[in-house]
Amino acid sequence: MTRGTLVVFAKAPRPGLVKTRMTPPLTPDEAAELYAHLLADVLRASARLCAELGLDPVLAVHPPEACAEIAARAPAGFRAVAQRGADLGLRMGWAVREAAAAGTSPILLRGSDSPALGRGVLEAALAALREVDLVLSPDRDGGYQLAGLREPVPGLFSHPMSTSRVLEETLDRARTRGLRVRLLEQGFDLDSLADLRWLALARSPAVTELCPLTLAWLDQQNLWPAQGR
């Protein structure tokens, strides 16, 4: 028996497909290299946390034709599925339905650009979902680094997902559907080079354990913002 499912959303680390808000100043090749390290760290950490917390690890891949490629990068135990839907909101809704159809609950969704998301957030989400219907861990740009549900909620994510109002709009939709909601501790995504300041401030032995490849690459490239060093 498992305690639920953790779905990791991942993209193929191809130039022009990932971390486009970092180009420039990064080249498309550099942005893809950074994302490849982020993805490797997140998959490794997620696999370990799933084993510790009794979660089924699922890897949701975009674009669909990259499913085998990304599955080969993942640690053993991940079940890889191709994302389905015309936009991220639809793909998130589909992932929740797909996981629920496999018979597990609750379902946690996370991206692959939140390298400091650790065990504490996942444990808090699982504990909260014994009492509420939806948990969200906000990030610093108006979105969230983790979403968790007890069961699928039609239309919950059917709104633009790349704006500063993502969290607000998801909460509005949750309230209109009568969902009980709990917000968890705030985290951050790495969407722009300016966001590296949050990773610099969070750097610690625990964070280093979560994302050693990402930190080593950033050190090597000397990309840290001056105020975070």
C-alpha atoms as a PDB file:
ATOM      1  CA  MET A   1       0.000   0.000   0.000  1.00  0.00           C
ATOM      2  CA  THR A   2       1.179   3.528  -0.749  1.00  0.00           C
ATOM      3  CA  ARG A   3       0.293   6.866   0.799  1.00  0.00           C
ATOM      4  CA  GLY A   4      -0.366   8.435  -2.590  1.00  0.00           C
ATOM      5  CA  THR A   5       1.352   9.541  -5.764  1.00  0.00           C
ATOM      6  CA  LEU A   6       3.945  12.196  -6.537  1.00  0.00           C
ATOM      7  CA  VAL A   7       3.828  13.367 -10.156  1.00  0.00           C
ATOM      8  CA  VAL A   8       6.936  15.192 -11.371  1.00  0.00           C
ATOM      9  CA  PHE A   9       6.359  17.358 -14.443  1.00  0.00           C
ATOM     10  CA  ALA A  10       9.378  17.340 -16.735  1.00  0.00           C
ATOM     11  CA  LYS A  11      10.395  18.636 -20.143  1.00  0.00           C
ATOM     12  CA  ALA A  12      13.031  17.378 -22.513  1.00  0.00           C
ATOM     13  CA  PRO A  13      16.144  19.511 -21.845  1.00  0.00           C
ATOM     14  CA  ARG A  14      16.381  20.832 -25.365  1.00  0.00           C
ATOM     15  CA  PRO A  15      17.640  24.267 -26.427  1.00  0.00           C
ATOM     16  CA  GLY A  16      14.713  26.597 -27.045  1.00  0.00           C
ATOM     17  CA  LEU A  17      12.244  24.429 -25.098  1.00  0.00           C
ATOM     18  CA  VAL A  18      13.334  25.011 -21.489  1.00  0.00           C
ATOM     19  CA  LYS A  19      14.280  28.037 -19.344  1.00  0.00           C
ATOM     20  CA  THR A  20      13.521  30.413 -22.203  1.00  0.00           C
ATOM     21  CA  ARG A  21      13.029  33.302 -19.749  1.00  0.00           C
ATOM     22  CA  MET A  22      16.742  33.001 -18.992  1.00  0.00           C
ATOM     23  CA  THR A  23      17.735  33.595 -22.616  1.00  0.00           C
ATOM     24  CA  PRO A  24      19.379  35.997 -22.900  1.00  0.00           C
ATOM     25  CA  PRO A  25      21.699  36.356 -21.060  1.00  0.00           C
ATOM     26  CA  LEU A  26      22.091  32.556 -21.209  1.00  0.00           C
ATOM     27  CA  THR A  27      22.320  30.972 -24.612  1.00  0.00           C
ATOM     28  CA  PRO A  28      19.668  28.347 -25.435  1.00  0.00           C
ATOM     29  CA  ASP A  29      22.329  25.654 -25.017  1.00  0.00           C
ATOM     30  CA  GLU A  30      23.310  26.971 -21.568  1.00  0.00           C
ATOM     31  CA  ALA A  31      19.663  27.182 -20.502  1.00  0.00           C
ATOM     32  CA  ALA A  32      19.132  23.572 -21.580  1.00  0.00           C
ATOM     33  CA  GLU A  33      22.257  22.508 -19.689  1.00  0.00           C
ATOM     34  CA  LEU A  34      21.041  24.222 -16.525  1.00  0.00           C
ATOM     35  CA  TYR A  35      17.631  22.578 -16.844  1.00  0.00           C
ATOM     36  CA  ALA A  36      19.225  19.158 -17.384  1.00  0.00           C
ATOM     37  CA  HIS A  37      20.990  19.526 -14.022  1.00  0.00           C
ATOM     38  CA  LEU A  38      17.797  20.750 -12.349  1.00  0.00           C
ATOM     39  CA  LEU A  39      15.893  17.778 -13.731  1.00  0.00           C
ATOM     40  CA  ALA A  40      18.519  15.256 -12.654  1.00  0.00           C
ATOM     41  CA  ASP A  41      18.555  16.663  -9.125  1.00  0.00           C
ATOM     42  CA  VAL A  42      14.754  16.814  -8.817  1.00  0.00           C
ATOM     43  CA  LEU A  43      14.303  13.260 -10.099  1.00  0.00           C
ATOM     44  CA  ARG A  44      16.950  11.902  -7.739  1.00  0.00           C
ATOM     45  CA  ALA A  45      15.525  13.754  -4.734  1.00  0.00           C
ATOM     46  CA  SER A  46      11.940  12.855  -5.623  1.00  0.00           C
ATOM     47  CA  ALA A  47      12.758   9.166  -5.985  1.00  0.00           C
ATOM     48  CA  ARG A  48      14.376   9.147  -2.541  1.00  0.00           C
ATOM     49  CA  LEU A  49      11.521  11.074  -0.921  1.00  0.00           C
ATOM     50  CA  CYS A  50       8.915   8.795  -2.500  1.00  0.00           C
ATOM     51  CA  ALA A  51      10.704   5.757  -1.082  1.00  0.00           C
ATOM     52  CA  GLU A  52      10.875   7.359   2.370  1.00  0.00           C
ATOM     53  CA  LEU A  53       7.259   8.563   2.394  1.00  0.00           C
ATOM     54  CA  GLY A  54       5.582   5.632   0.643  1.00  0.00           C
ATOM     55  CA  LEU A  55       4.574   7.509  -2.522  1.00  0.00           C
ATOM     56  CA  ASP A  56       4.336   6.190  -6.055  1.00  0.00           C
ATOM     57  CA  PRO A  57       6.732   8.218  -8.264  1.00  0.00           C
ATOM     58  CA  VAL A  58       5.307   9.224 -11.648  1.00  0.00           C
ATOM     59  CA  LEU A  59       7.134  11.190 -14.325  1.00  0.00           C
ATOM     60  CA  ALA A  60       4.894  13.272 -16.620  1.00  0.00           C
ATOM     61  CA  VAL A  61       6.842  14.172 -19.750  1.00  0.00           C
ATOM     62  CA  HIS A  62       6.509  16.945 -22.359  1.00  0.00           C
ATOM     63  CA  PRO A  63       6.654  16.727 -25.310  1.00  0.00           C
ATOM     64  CA  PRO A  64       5.110  13.253 -25.513  1.00  0.00           C
ATOM     65  CA  GLU A  65       7.672  11.946 -27.987  1.00  0.00           C
ATOM     66  CA  ALA A  66      10.399  12.545 -25.373  1.00  0.00           C
ATOM     67  CA  CYS A  67       8.865  10.081 -22.908  1.00  0.00           C
ATOM     68  CA  ALA A  68      11.403   7.299 -23.466  1.00  0.00           C
ATOM     69  CA  GLU A  69      14.294   9.774 -23.472  1.00  0.00           C
ATOM     70  CA  ILE A  70      13.340  11.309 -20.119  1.00  0.00           C
ATOM     71  CA  ALA A  71      12.386   7.972 -18.577  1.00  0.00           C
ATOM     72  CA  ALA A  72      15.941   6.788 -19.278  1.00  0.00           C
ATOM     73  CA  ARG A  73      17.246   9.715 -17.187  1.00  0.00           C
ATOM     74  CA  ALA A  74      15.035   8.875 -14.206  1.00  0.00           C
ATOM     75  CA  PRO A  75      16.029   6.674 -11.261  1.00  0.00           C
ATOM     76  CA  ALA A  76      14.525   3.221 -11.036  1.00  0.00           C
ATOM     77  CA  GLY A  77      10.943   3.104  -9.837  1.00  0.00           C
ATOM     78  CA  PHE A  78       9.473   5.974 -11.822  1.00  0.00           C
ATOM     79  CA  ARG A  79       6.501   5.279 -14.060  1.00  0.00           C
ATOM     80  CA  ALA A  80       6.784   7.569 -17.079  1.00  0.00           C
ATOM     81  CA  VAL A  81       3.694   8.902 -18.846  1.00  0.00           C
ATOM     82  CA  ALA A  82       3.334  11.449 -21.617  1.00  0.00           C
ATOM     83  CA  GLN A  83       1.601  14.680 -20.643  1.00  0.00           C
ATOM     84  CA  ARG A  84      -1.734  15.205 -22.397  1.00  0.00           C
ATOM     85  CA  GLY A  85      -3.452  18.505 -23.068  1.00  0.00           C
ATOM     86  CA  ALA A  86      -3.055  21.681 -25.066  1.00  0.00           C
ATOM     87  CA  ASP A  87      -1.676  23.722 -22.143  1.00  0.00           C
ATOM     88  CA  LEU A  88      -0.152  23.196 -18.715  1.00  0.00           C
ATOM     89  CA  GLY A  89      -3.443  23.567 -16.841  1.00  0.00           C
ATOM     90  CA  LEU A  90      -5.084  20.836 -18.907  1.00  0.00           C
ATOM     91  CA  ARG A  91      -2.012  18.630 -18.540  1.00  0.00           C
ATOM     92  CA  MET A  92      -2.108  19.058 -14.750  1.00  0.00           C
ATOM     93  CA  GLY A  93      -5.781  18.125 -14.660  1.00  0.00           C
ATOM     94  CA  TRP A  94      -5.099  15.068 -16.802  1.00  0.00           C
ATOM     95  CA  ALA A  95      -2.214  13.977 -14.556  1.00  0.00           C
ATOM     96  CA  VAL A  96      -4.455  14.088 -11.492  1.00  0.00           C
ATOM     97  CA  ARG A  97      -7.145  12.036 -13.244  1.00  0.00           C
ATOM     98  CA  GLU A  98      -4.569   9.534 -14.503  1.00  0.00           C
ATOM     99  CA  ALA A  99      -3.088   9.048 -11.043  1.00  0.00           C
ATOM    100  CA  ALA A 100      -6.527   8.740  -9.438  1.00  0.00           C
ATOM    101  CA  ALA A 101      -7.499   6.103 -12.002  1.00  0.00           C
ATOM    102  CA  ALA A 102      -4.544   4.035 -10.798  1.00  0.00           C
ATOM    103  CA  GLY A 103      -6.264   3.897  -7.403  1.00  0.00           C
ATOM    104  CA  THR A 104      -3.994   6.072  -5.265  1.00  0.00           C
ATOM    105  CA  SER A 105      -4.845   9.118  -3.185  1.00  0.00           C
ATOM    106  CA  PRO A 106      -3.782  11.792  -2.508  1.00  0.00           C
ATOM    107  CA  ILE A 107      -2.006  13.070  -5.618  1.00  0.00           C
ATOM    108  CA  LEU A 108       0.850  15.565  -5.349  1.00  0.00           C
ATOM    109  CA  LEU A 109       2.095  17.525  -8.370  1.00  0.00           C
ATOM    110  CA  ARG A 110       5.470  19.228  -8.557  1.00  0.00           C
ATOM    111  CA  GLY A 111       7.558  20.805 -11.293  1.00  0.00           C
ATOM    112  CA  SER A 112      11.212  20.213 -12.072  1.00  0.00           C
ATOM    113  CA  ASP A 113      12.476  23.751 -11.414  1.00  0.00           C
ATOM    114  CA  SER A 114      12.038  23.898  -7.609  1.00  0.00           C
ATOM    115  CA  PRO A 115      15.356  22.411  -6.496  1.00  0.00           C
ATOM    116  CA  ALA A 116      14.943  23.232  -2.789  1.00  0.00           C
ATOM    117  CA  LEU A 117      11.552  21.544  -2.364  1.00  0.00           C
ATOM    118  CA  GLY A 118      12.246  18.955   0.284  1.00  0.00           C
ATOM    119  CA  ARG A 119      10.729  16.399   2.590  1.00  0.00           C
ATOM    120  CA  GLY A 120       9.139  18.895   4.961  1.00  0.00           C
ATOM    121  CA  VAL A 121       6.800  20.290   2.303  1.00  0.00           C
ATOM    122  CA  LEU A 122       5.750  16.836   1.138  1.00  0.00           C
ATOM    123  CA  GLU A 123       5.092  15.665   4.699  1.00  0.00           C
ATOM    124  CA  ALA A 124       3.068  18.802   5.417  1.00  0.00           C
ATOM    125  CA  ALA A 125       1.036  18.254   2.261  1.00  0.00           C
ATOM    126  CA  LEU A 126       0.252  14.640   3.116  1.00  0.00           C
ATOM    127  CA  ALA A 127      -0.742  15.562   6.667  1.00  0.00           C
ATOM    128  CA  ALA A 128      -2.965  18.436   5.519  1.00  0.00           C
ATOM    129  CA  LEU A 129      -4.711  16.307   2.908  1.00  0.00           C
ATOM    130  CA  ARG A 130      -6.150  14.157   5.676  1.00  0.00           C
ATOM    131  CA  GLU A 131      -8.291  17.181   6.547  1.00  0.00           C
ATOM    132  CA  VAL A 132      -8.581  19.368   3.419  1.00  0.00           C
ATOM    133  CA  ASP A 133      -9.193  18.851  -0.288  1.00  0.00           C
ATOM    134  CA  LEU A 134      -6.404  20.944  -1.793  1.00  0.00           C
ATOM    135  CA  VAL A 135      -2.964  22.054  -0.634  1.00  0.00           C
ATOM    136  CA  LEU A 136      -0.698  24.520  -2.400  1.00  0.00           C
ATOM    137  CA  SER A 137       2.863  25.538  -1.621  1.00  0.00           C
ATOM    138  CA  PRO A 138       3.176  29.083  -3.036  1.00  0.00           C
ATOM    139  CA  ASP A 139       6.268  30.325  -4.815  1.00  0.00           C
ATOM    140  CA  ARG A 140       7.549  33.873  -4.943  1.00  0.00           C
ATOM    141  CA  ASP A 141       6.203  34.851  -8.358  1.00  0.00           C
ATOM    142  CA  GLY A 142       2.497  34.271  -7.770  1.00  0.00           C
ATOM    143  CA  GLY A 143       2.366  30.581  -8.610  1.00  0.00           C
ATOM    144  CA  TYR A 144       3.074  27.449  -6.582  1.00  0.00           C
ATOM    145  CA  GLN A 145       5.786  24.825  -6.427  1.00  0.00           C
ATOM    146  CA  LEU A 146       3.514  22.003  -5.245  1.00  0.00           C
ATOM    147  CA  ALA A 147      -0.182  21.195  -5.526  1.00  0.00           C
ATOM    148  CA  GLY A 148      -1.905  18.314  -3.791  1.00  0.00           C
ATOM    149  CA  LEU A 149      -5.442  16.964  -4.058  1.00  0.00           C
ATOM    150  CA  ARG A 150      -7.385  14.115  -2.577  1.00  0.00           C
ATOM    151  CA  GLU A 151      -9.228  13.507  -5.862  1.00  0.00           C
ATOM    152  CA  PRO A 152      -9.671  15.107  -9.308  1.00  0.00           C
ATOM    153  CA  VAL A 153     -11.514  18.435  -9.428  1.00  0.00           C
ATOM    154  CA  PRO A 154     -12.793  19.279 -12.923  1.00  0.00           C
ATOM    155  CA  GLY A 155     -11.699  22.693 -14.150  1.00  0.00           C
ATOM    156  CA  LEU A 156      -9.508  23.526 -11.160  1.00  0.00           C
ATOM    157  CA  PHE A 157      -6.464  24.276 -13.308  1.00  0.00           C
ATOM    158  CA  SER A 158      -8.343  25.539 -16.375  1.00  0.00           C
ATOM    159  CA  HIS A 159      -6.784  28.997 -16.415  1.00  0.00           C
ATOM    160  CA  PRO A 160      -3.503  30.522 -17.665  1.00  0.00           C
ATOM    161  CA  MET A 161      -0.605  29.026 -15.736  1.00  0.00           C
ATOM    162  CA  SER A 162       2.269  31.358 -16.653  1.00  0.00           C
ATOM    163  CA  THR A 163       1.118  34.554 -14.972  1.00  0.00           C
ATOM    164  CA  SER A 164       1.554  36.243 -11.594  1.00  0.00           C
ATOM    165  CA  ARG A 165      -2.077  35.364 -10.739  1.00  0.00           C
ATOM    166  CA  VAL A 166      -1.818  31.577 -10.942  1.00  0.00           C
ATOM    167  CA  LEU A 167      -2.163  31.030  -7.192  1.00  0.00           C
ATOM    168  CA  GLU A 168      -4.964  33.583  -6.887  1.00  0.00           C
ATOM    169  CA  GLU A 169      -6.944  32.106  -9.770  1.00  0.00           C
ATOM    170  CA  THR A 170      -6.533  28.532  -8.528  1.00  0.00           C
ATOM    171  CA  LEU A 171      -7.743  29.606  -5.080  1.00  0.00           C
ATOM    172  CA  ASP A 172     -10.734  31.376  -6.622  1.00  0.00           C
ATOM    173  CA  ARG A 173     -11.692  28.240  -8.524  1.00  0.00           C
ATOM    174  CA  ALA A 174     -11.234  26.112  -5.426  1.00  0.00           C
ATOM    175  CA  ARG A 175     -13.525  28.344  -3.389  1.00  0.00           C
ATOM    176  CA  THR A 176     -16.270  28.361  -6.024  1.00  0.00           C
ATOM    177  CA  ARG A 177     -16.165  24.558  -5.908  1.00  0.00           C
ATOM    178  CA  GLY A 178     -16.430  24.458  -2.121  1.00  0.00           C
ATOM    179  CA  LEU A 179     -13.000  22.950  -1.576  1.00  0.00           C
ATOM    180  CA  ARG A 180     -11.243  23.088   1.748  1.00  0.00           C
ATOM    181  CA  VAL A 181      -7.807  24.608   1.057  1.00  0.00           C
ATOM    182  CA  ARG A 182      -4.587  24.928   3.008  1.00  0.00           C
ATOM    183  CA  LEU A 183      -1.508  26.919   2.005  1.00  0.00           C
ATOM    184  CA  LEU A 184       1.858  25.444   2.929  1.00  0.00           C
ATOM    185  CA  GLU A 185       5.191  27.212   3.414  1.00  0.00           C
ATOM    186  CA  GLN A 186       6.401  29.384   0.559  1.00  0.00           C
ATOM    187  CA  GLY A 187       9.144  28.214  -1.788  1.00  0.00           C
ATOM    188  CA  PHE A 188      10.537  29.325  -5.120  1.00  0.00           C
ATOM    189  CA  ASP A 189      10.976  28.242  -8.717  1.00  0.00           C
ATOM    190  CA  LEU A 190      13.958  29.100 -10.907  1.00  0.00           C
ATOM    191  CA  ASP A 191      12.246  30.834 -13.818  1.00  0.00           C
ATOM    192  CA  SER A 192      14.683  33.716 -14.366  1.00  0.00           C
ATOM    193  CA  LEU A 193      18.291  34.425 -13.468  1.00  0.00           C
ATOM    194  CA  ALA A 194      17.051  36.857 -10.811  1.00  0.00           C
ATOM    195  CA  ASP A 195      15.449  33.881  -9.024  1.00  0.00           C
ATOM    196  CA  LEU A 196      18.904  32.475  -8.321  1.00  0.00           C
ATOM    197  CA  ARG A 197      19.094  34.856  -5.381  1.00  0.00           C
ATOM    198  CA  TRP A 198      16.522  32.701  -3.570  1.00  0.00           C
ATOM    199  CA  LEU A 199      18.599  29.576  -4.105  1.00  0.00           C
ATOM    200  CA  ALA A 200      21.709  31.433  -2.935  1.00  0.00           C
ATOM    201  CA  LEU A 201      19.923  32.517   0.244  1.00  0.00           C
ATOM    202  CA  ALA A 202      18.534  29.012   0.847  1.00  0.00           C
ATOM    203  CA  ARG A 203      21.861  27.269   0.316  1.00  0.00           C
ATOM    204  CA  SER A 204      22.616  24.933   3.202  1.00  0.00           C
ATOM    205  CA  PRO A 205      23.768  21.332   3.694  1.00  0.00           C
ATOM    206  CA  ALA A 206      20.150  20.161   3.340  1.00  0.00           C
ATOM    207  CA  VAL A 207      19.608  22.093   0.101  1.00  0.00           C
ATOM    208  CA  THR A 208      22.985  20.972  -1.226  1.00  0.00           C
ATOM    209  CA  GLU A 209      21.856  17.384  -0.702  1.00  0.00           C
ATOM    210  CA  LEU A 210      18.727  18.090  -2.746  1.00  0.00           C
ATOM    211  CA  CYS A 211      20.423  19.764  -5.729  1.00  0.00           C
ATOM    212  CA  PRO A 212      24.196  19.140  -5.844  1.00  0.00           C
ATOM    213  CA  LEU A 213      24.454  19.096  -9.645  1.00  0.00           C
ATOM    214  CA  THR A 214      22.604  22.384 -10.047  1.00  0.00           C
ATOM    215  CA  LEU A 215      24.687  24.129  -7.411  1.00  0.00           C
ATOM    216  CA  ALA A 216      27.942  22.816  -8.855  1.00  0.00           C
ATOM    217  CA  TRP A 217      27.000  23.988 -12.356  1.00  0.00           C
ATOM    218  CA  LEU A 218      26.009  27.438 -11.131  1.00  0.00           C
ATOM    219  CA  ASP A 219      29.283  27.679  -9.205  1.00  0.00           C
ATOM    220  CA  GLN A 220      31.231  26.669 -12.280  1.00  0.00           C
ATOM    221  CA  GLN A 221      29.416  29.177 -14.496  1.00  0.00           C
ATOM    222  CA  ASN A 222      29.689  31.942 -11.853  1.00  0.00           C
ATOM    223  CA  LEU A 223      26.060  32.908 -12.377  1.00  0.00           C
ATOM    224  CA  TRP A 224      25.119  33.837  -8.808  1.00  0.00           C
ATOM    225  CA  PRO A 225      23.660  37.325  -8.336  1.00  0.00           C
ATOM    226  CA  ALA A 226      26.134  39.560  -6.505  1.00  0.00           C
ATOM    227  CA  GLN A 227      23.747  40.195  -3.610  1.00  0.00           C
ATOM    228  CA  GLY A 228      23.352  36.445  -3.022  1.00  0.00           C
ATOM    229  CA  ARG A 229      27.073  35.714  -2.703  1.00  0.00           C
END
